[in-house]
Amino acid sequence: MPVAVLIKTPIGMLLLWAAGVITMLVL
């Protein structure tokens, strides 16, 4: 499933997901 998500999700969306998770944990 993690690999399938990496394949099926737009790259820009993956980057923003990661940035959002980090932001929620840091702020």
PDB file of all heavy atoms in Angstrom:
ATOM      1  N   MET A   1       0.805  -1.217   0.000  1.00  0.00           N
ATOM      2  CA  MET A   1       0.000   0.000   0.000  1.00  0.00           C
ATOM      3  C   MET A   1       0.841   1.272   0.000  1.00  0.00           C
ATOM      4  O   MET A   1       0.539   2.202  -0.769  1.00  0.00           O
ATOM      5  CB  MET A   1      -0.979   0.002   1.174  1.00  0.00           C
ATOM      6  CG  MET A   1      -2.093   1.028   1.021  1.00  0.00           C
ATOM      7  SD  MET A   1      -3.081   0.783  -0.489  1.00  0.00           S
ATOM      8  CE  MET A   1      -3.984  -0.707  -0.062  1.00  0.00           C
ATOM      9  N   PRO A   2       1.912   1.379   0.810  1.00  0.00           N
ATOM     10  CA  PRO A   2       2.733   2.595   0.709  1.00  0.00           C
ATOM     11  C   PRO A   2       3.310   2.804  -0.688  1.00  0.00           C
ATOM     12  O   PRO A   2       3.348   3.944  -1.184  1.00  0.00           O
ATOM     13  CB  PRO A   2       3.837   2.356   1.748  1.00  0.00           C
ATOM     14  CG  PRO A   2       3.244   1.420   2.736  1.00  0.00           C
ATOM     15  CD  PRO A   2       2.351   0.527   1.938  1.00  0.00           C
ATOM     16  N   VAL A   3       3.753   1.730  -1.323  1.00  0.00           N
ATOM     17  CA  VAL A   3       4.307   1.865  -2.673  1.00  0.00           C
ATOM     18  C   VAL A   3       3.208   2.271  -3.657  1.00  0.00           C
ATOM     19  O   VAL A   3       3.417   3.142  -4.517  1.00  0.00           O
ATOM     20  CB  VAL A   3       4.983   0.557  -3.116  1.00  0.00           C
ATOM     21  CG1 VAL A   3       5.427   0.647  -4.582  1.00  0.00           C
ATOM     22  CG2 VAL A   3       6.178   0.241  -2.229  1.00  0.00           C
ATOM     23  N   ALA A   4       2.038   1.662  -3.529  1.00  0.00           N
ATOM     24  CA  ALA A   4       0.926   2.016  -4.417  1.00  0.00           C
ATOM     25  C   ALA A   4       0.548   3.480  -4.261  1.00  0.00           C
ATOM     26  O   ALA A   4       0.246   4.170  -5.246  1.00  0.00           O
ATOM     27  CB  ALA A   4      -0.277   1.117  -4.130  1.00  0.00           C
ATOM     28  N   VAL A   5       0.559   3.977  -3.026  1.00  0.00           N
ATOM     29  CA  VAL A   5       0.256   5.397  -2.790  1.00  0.00           C
ATOM     30  C   VAL A   5       1.303   6.284  -3.455  1.00  0.00           C
ATOM     31  O   VAL A   5       0.972   7.317  -4.058  1.00  0.00           O
ATOM     32  CB  VAL A   5       0.167   5.683  -1.279  1.00  0.00           C
ATOM     33  CG1 VAL A   5       0.116   7.185  -1.010  1.00  0.00           C
ATOM     34  CG2 VAL A   5      -1.058   5.006  -0.678  1.00  0.00           C
ATOM     35  N   LEU A   6       2.576   5.894  -3.365  1.00  0.00           N
ATOM     36  CA  LEU A   6       3.632   6.670  -4.020  1.00  0.00           C
ATOM     37  C   LEU A   6       3.435   6.707  -5.531  1.00  0.00           C
ATOM     38  O   LEU A   6       3.727   7.724  -6.181  1.00  0.00           O
ATOM     39  CB  LEU A   6       5.005   6.072  -3.697  1.00  0.00           C
ATOM     40  CG  LEU A   6       5.527   6.268  -2.280  1.00  0.00           C
ATOM     41  CD1 LEU A   6       6.852   5.528  -2.098  1.00  0.00           C
ATOM     42  CD2 LEU A   6       5.710   7.753  -1.972  1.00  0.00           C
ATOM     43  N   ILE A   7       2.943   5.631  -6.103  1.00  0.00           N
ATOM     44  CA  ILE A   7       2.738   5.564  -7.546  1.00  0.00           C
ATOM     45  C   ILE A   7       1.507   6.372  -7.963  1.00  0.00           C
ATOM     46  O   ILE A   7       1.533   7.098  -8.963  1.00  0.00           O
ATOM     47  CB  ILE A   7       2.571   4.098  -8.002  1.00  0.00           C
ATOM     48  CG1 ILE A   7       3.869   3.316  -7.766  1.00  0.00           C
ATOM     49  CG2 ILE A   7       2.168   4.022  -9.480  1.00  0.00           C
ATOM     50  CD1 ILE A   7       3.727   1.820  -7.987  1.00  0.00           C
ATOM     51  N   LYS A   8       0.448   6.289  -7.177  1.00  0.00           N
ATOM     52  CA  LYS A   8      -0.858   6.805  -7.585  1.00  0.00           C
ATOM     53  C   LYS A   8      -1.136   8.242  -7.139  1.00  0.00           C
ATOM     54  O   LYS A   8      -2.190   8.793  -7.476  1.00  0.00           O
ATOM     55  CB  LYS A   8      -1.950   5.899  -7.016  1.00  0.00           C
ATOM     56  CG  LYS A   8      -1.949   4.474  -7.547  1.00  0.00           C
ATOM     57  CD  LYS A   8      -2.641   4.382  -8.893  1.00  0.00           C
ATOM     58  CE  LYS A   8      -4.126   4.654  -8.744  1.00  0.00           C
ATOM     59  NZ  LYS A   8      -4.792   4.709 -10.068  1.00  0.00           N
ATOM     60  N   THR A   9      -0.240   8.845  -6.387  1.00  0.00           N
ATOM     61  CA  THR A   9      -0.482  10.199  -5.874  1.00  0.00           C
ATOM     62  C   THR A   9       0.403  11.190  -6.612  1.00  0.00           C
ATOM     63  O   THR A   9       1.604  10.946  -6.788  1.00  0.00           O
ATOM     64  CB  THR A   9      -0.176  10.255  -4.361  1.00  0.00           C
ATOM     65  OG1 THR A   9      -0.928   9.243  -3.691  1.00  0.00           O
ATOM     66  CG2 THR A   9      -0.556  11.615  -3.789  1.00  0.00           C
ATOM     67  N   PRO A  10      -0.147  12.330  -7.057  1.00  0.00           N
ATOM     68  CA  PRO A  10       0.689  13.343  -7.715  1.00  0.00           C
ATOM     69  C   PRO A  10       1.869  13.746  -6.828  1.00  0.00           C
ATOM     70  O   PRO A  10       1.734  13.857  -5.606  1.00  0.00           O
ATOM     71  CB  PRO A  10      -0.284  14.512  -7.911  1.00  0.00           C
ATOM     72  CG  PRO A  10      -1.643  13.877  -7.968  1.00  0.00           C
ATOM     73  CD  PRO A  10      -1.575  12.714  -7.019  1.00  0.00           C
ATOM     74  N   ILE A  11       3.012  13.985  -7.458  1.00  0.00           N
ATOM     75  CA  ILE A  11       4.219  14.298  -6.699  1.00  0.00           C
ATOM     76  C   ILE A  11       4.043  15.563  -5.866  1.00  0.00           C
ATOM     77  O   ILE A  11       4.448  15.622  -4.693  1.00  0.00           O
ATOM     78  CB  ILE A  11       5.419  14.436  -7.660  1.00  0.00           C
ATOM     79  CG1 ILE A  11       5.715  13.090  -8.323  1.00  0.00           C
ATOM     80  CG2 ILE A  11       6.656  14.933  -6.914  1.00  0.00           C
ATOM     81  CD1 ILE A  11       6.754  13.148  -9.414  1.00  0.00           C
ATOM     82  N   GLY A  12       3.439  16.586  -6.450  1.00  0.00           N
ATOM     83  CA  GLY A  12       3.201  17.810  -5.699  1.00  0.00           C
ATOM     84  C   GLY A  12       2.342  17.580  -4.478  1.00  0.00           C
ATOM     85  O   GLY A  12       2.546  18.195  -3.421  1.00  0.00           O
ATOM     86  N   MET A  13       1.386  16.677  -4.590  1.00  0.00           N
ATOM     87  CA  MET A  13       0.528  16.348  -3.456  1.00  0.00           C
ATOM     88  C   MET A  13       1.312  15.613  -2.375  1.00  0.00           C
ATOM     89  O   MET A  13       1.166  15.901  -1.181  1.00  0.00           O
ATOM     90  CB  MET A  13      -0.658  15.497  -3.929  1.00  0.00           C
ATOM     91  CG  MET A  13      -1.749  15.303  -2.888  1.00  0.00           C
ATOM     92  SD  MET A  13      -3.158  14.365  -3.522  1.00  0.00           S
ATOM     93  CE  MET A  13      -3.799  15.496  -4.776  1.00  0.00           C
ATOM     94  N   LEU A  14       2.161  14.681  -2.766  1.00  0.00           N
ATOM     95  CA  LEU A  14       2.992  13.975  -1.791  1.00  0.00           C
ATOM     96  C   LEU A  14       3.871  14.947  -1.019  1.00  0.00           C
ATOM     97  O   LEU A  14       4.018  14.842   0.212  1.00  0.00           O
ATOM     98  CB  LEU A  14       3.865  12.935  -2.502  1.00  0.00           C
ATOM     99  CG  LEU A  14       3.153  11.702  -3.070  1.00  0.00           C
ATOM    100  CD1 LEU A  14       4.113  10.900  -3.942  1.00  0.00           C
ATOM    101  CD2 LEU A  14       2.604  10.820  -1.957  1.00  0.00           C
ATOM    102  N   LEU A  15       4.473  15.903  -1.730  1.00  0.00           N
ATOM    103  CA  LEU A  15       5.342  16.878  -1.072  1.00  0.00           C
ATOM    104  C   LEU A  15       4.561  17.753  -0.099  1.00  0.00           C
ATOM    105  O   LEU A  15       5.031  18.038   1.013  1.00  0.00           O
ATOM    106  CB  LEU A  15       6.039  17.740  -2.123  1.00  0.00           C
ATOM    107  CG  LEU A  15       7.064  17.021  -3.009  1.00  0.00           C
ATOM    108  CD1 LEU A  15       7.569  17.943  -4.117  1.00  0.00           C
ATOM    109  CD2 LEU A  15       8.231  16.503  -2.178  1.00  0.00           C
ATOM    110  N   LEU A  16       3.369  18.162  -0.485  1.00  0.00           N
ATOM    111  CA  LEU A  16       2.567  19.006   0.398  1.00  0.00           C
ATOM    112  C   LEU A  16       2.029  18.215   1.581  1.00  0.00           C
ATOM    113  O   LEU A  16       1.912  18.754   2.687  1.00  0.00           O
ATOM    114  CB  LEU A  16       1.431  19.658  -0.388  1.00  0.00           C
ATOM    115  CG  LEU A  16       1.865  20.829  -1.273  1.00  0.00           C
ATOM    116  CD1 LEU A  16       0.763  21.229  -2.239  1.00  0.00           C
ATOM    117  CD2 LEU A  16       2.275  22.018  -0.423  1.00  0.00           C
ATOM    118  N   TRP A  17       1.697  16.946   1.365  1.00  0.00           N
ATOM    119  CA  TRP A  17       1.311  16.091   2.501  1.00  0.00           C
ATOM    120  C   TRP A  17       2.455  16.045   3.512  1.00  0.00           C
ATOM    121  O   TRP A  17       2.234  16.231   4.711  1.00  0.00           O
ATOM    122  CB  TRP A  17       1.006  14.680   2.028  1.00  0.00           C
ATOM    123  CG  TRP A  17      -0.290  14.498   1.316  1.00  0.00           C
ATOM    124  CD1 TRP A  17      -1.248  15.443   1.046  1.00  0.00           C
ATOM    125  CD2 TRP A  17      -0.795  13.266   0.778  1.00  0.00           C
ATOM    126  NE1 TRP A  17      -2.298  14.875   0.372  1.00  0.00           N
ATOM    127  CE2 TRP A  17      -2.046  13.553   0.185  1.00  0.00           C
ATOM    128  CE3 TRP A  17      -0.287  11.979   0.706  1.00  0.00           C
ATOM    129  CZ2 TRP A  17      -2.808  12.561  -0.440  1.00  0.00           C
ATOM    130  CZ3 TRP A  17      -1.044  10.989   0.084  1.00  0.00           C
ATOM    131  CH2 TRP A  17      -2.301  11.276  -0.476  1.00  0.00           C
ATOM    132  N   ALA A  18       3.660  15.767   3.029  1.00  0.00           N
ATOM    133  CA  ALA A  18       4.815  15.650   3.928  1.00  0.00           C
ATOM    134  C   ALA A  18       5.079  16.971   4.643  1.00  0.00           C
ATOM    135  O   ALA A  18       5.321  17.001   5.865  1.00  0.00           O
ATOM    136  CB  ALA A  18       6.046  15.212   3.140  1.00  0.00           C
ATOM    137  N   ALA A  19       5.010  18.074   3.907  1.00  0.00           N
ATOM    138  CA  ALA A  19       5.233  19.380   4.520  1.00  0.00           C
ATOM    139  C   ALA A  19       4.167  19.682   5.565  1.00  0.00           C
ATOM    140  O   ALA A  19       4.468  20.237   6.632  1.00  0.00           O
ATOM    141  CB  ALA A  19       5.237  20.465   3.440  1.00  0.00           C
ATOM    142  N   GLY A  20       2.925  19.298   5.270  1.00  0.00           N
ATOM    143  CA  GLY A  20       1.853  19.531   6.224  1.00  0.00           C
ATOM    144  C   GLY A  20       2.016  18.724   7.495  1.00  0.00           C
ATOM    145  O   GLY A  20       1.789  19.227   8.606  1.00  0.00           O
ATOM    146  N   VAL A  21       2.403  17.471   7.359  1.00  0.00           N
ATOM    147  CA  VAL A  21       2.629  16.627   8.541  1.00  0.00           C
ATOM    148  C   VAL A  21       3.735  17.217   9.409  1.00  0.00           C
ATOM    149  O   VAL A  21       3.596  17.326  10.642  1.00  0.00           O
ATOM    150  CB  VAL A  21       2.976  15.179   8.111  1.00  0.00           C
ATOM    151  CG1 VAL A  21       3.455  14.368   9.315  1.00  0.00           C
ATOM    152  CG2 VAL A  21       1.758  14.511   7.475  1.00  0.00           C
ATOM    153  N   ILE A  22       4.834  17.606   8.774  1.00  0.00           N
ATOM    154  CA  ILE A  22       5.947  18.194   9.526  1.00  0.00           C
ATOM    155  C   ILE A  22       5.515  19.489  10.212  1.00  0.00           C
ATOM    156  O   ILE A  22       5.834  19.737  11.383  1.00  0.00           O
ATOM    157  CB  ILE A  22       7.153  18.440   8.595  1.00  0.00           C
ATOM    158  CG1 ILE A  22       7.714  17.105   8.101  1.00  0.00           C
ATOM    159  CG2 ILE A  22       8.241  19.241   9.300  1.00  0.00           C
ATOM    160  CD1 ILE A  22       8.749  17.233   7.005  1.00  0.00           C
ATOM    161  N   THR A  23       4.773  20.308   9.483  1.00  0.00           N
ATOM    162  CA  THR A  23       4.301  21.573  10.054  1.00  0.00           C
ATOM    163  C   THR A  23       3.430  21.333  11.282  1.00  0.00           C
ATOM    164  O   THR A  23       3.576  22.017  12.307  1.00  0.00           O
ATOM    165  CB  THR A  23       3.515  22.374   9.002  1.00  0.00           C
ATOM    166  OG1 THR A  23       4.351  22.640   7.871  1.00  0.00           O
ATOM    167  CG2 THR A  23       3.028  23.698   9.576  1.00  0.00           C
ATOM    168  N   MET A  24       2.535  20.357  11.205  1.00  0.00           N
ATOM    169  CA  MET A  24       1.652  20.087  12.339  1.00  0.00           C
ATOM    170  C   MET A  24       2.431  19.581  13.550  1.00  0.00           C
ATOM    171  O   MET A  24       2.045  19.843  14.695  1.00  0.00           O
ATOM    172  CB  MET A  24       0.580  19.070  11.943  1.00  0.00           C
ATOM    173  CG  MET A  24      -0.396  19.562  10.888  1.00  0.00           C
ATOM    174  SD  MET A  24      -1.881  18.538  10.762  1.00  0.00           S
ATOM    175  CE  MET A  24      -2.857  19.172  12.130  1.00  0.00           C
ATOM    176  N   LEU A  25       3.509  18.856  13.290  1.00  0.00           N
ATOM    177  CA  LEU A  25       4.301  18.327  14.399  1.00  0.00           C
ATOM    178  C   LEU A  25       5.259  19.360  14.983  1.00  0.00           C
ATOM    179  O   LEU A  25       5.580  19.314  16.170  1.00  0.00           O
ATOM    180  CB  LEU A  25       5.096  17.101  13.925  1.00  0.00           C
ATOM    181  CG  LEU A  25       4.258  15.876  13.516  1.00  0.00           C
ATOM    182  CD1 LEU A  25       5.172  14.796  12.956  1.00  0.00           C
ATOM    183  CD2 LEU A  25       3.447  15.344  14.683  1.00  0.00           C
ATOM    184  N   VAL A  26       5.704  20.310  14.160  1.00  0.00           N
ATOM    185  CA  VAL A  26       6.717  21.274  14.598  1.00  0.00           C
ATOM    186  C   VAL A  26       6.099  22.501  15.257  1.00  0.00           C
ATOM    187  O   VAL A  26       6.590  22.982  16.286  1.00  0.00           O
ATOM    188  CB  VAL A  26       7.601  21.679  13.404  1.00  0.00           C
ATOM    189  CG1 VAL A  26       8.491  22.862  13.769  1.00  0.00           C
ATOM    190  CG2 VAL A  26       8.452  20.497  12.960  1.00  0.00           C
ATOM    191  N   LEU A  27       5.031  23.023  14.676  1.00  0.00           N
ATOM    192  CA  LEU A  27       4.443  24.241  15.224  1.00  0.00           C
ATOM    193  C   LEU A  27       3.670  23.924  16.507  1.00  0.00           C
ATOM    194  O   LEU A  27       2.726  23.124  16.483  1.00  0.00           O
ATOM    195  CB  LEU A  27       3.494  24.885  14.210  1.00  0.00           C
ATOM    196  CG  LEU A  27       4.122  25.584  13.004  1.00  0.00           C
ATOM    197  CD1 LEU A  27       3.054  26.295  12.185  1.00  0.00           C
ATOM    198  CD2 LEU A  27       5.201  26.575  13.430  1.00  0.00           C
TER     199      LEU A  27
END
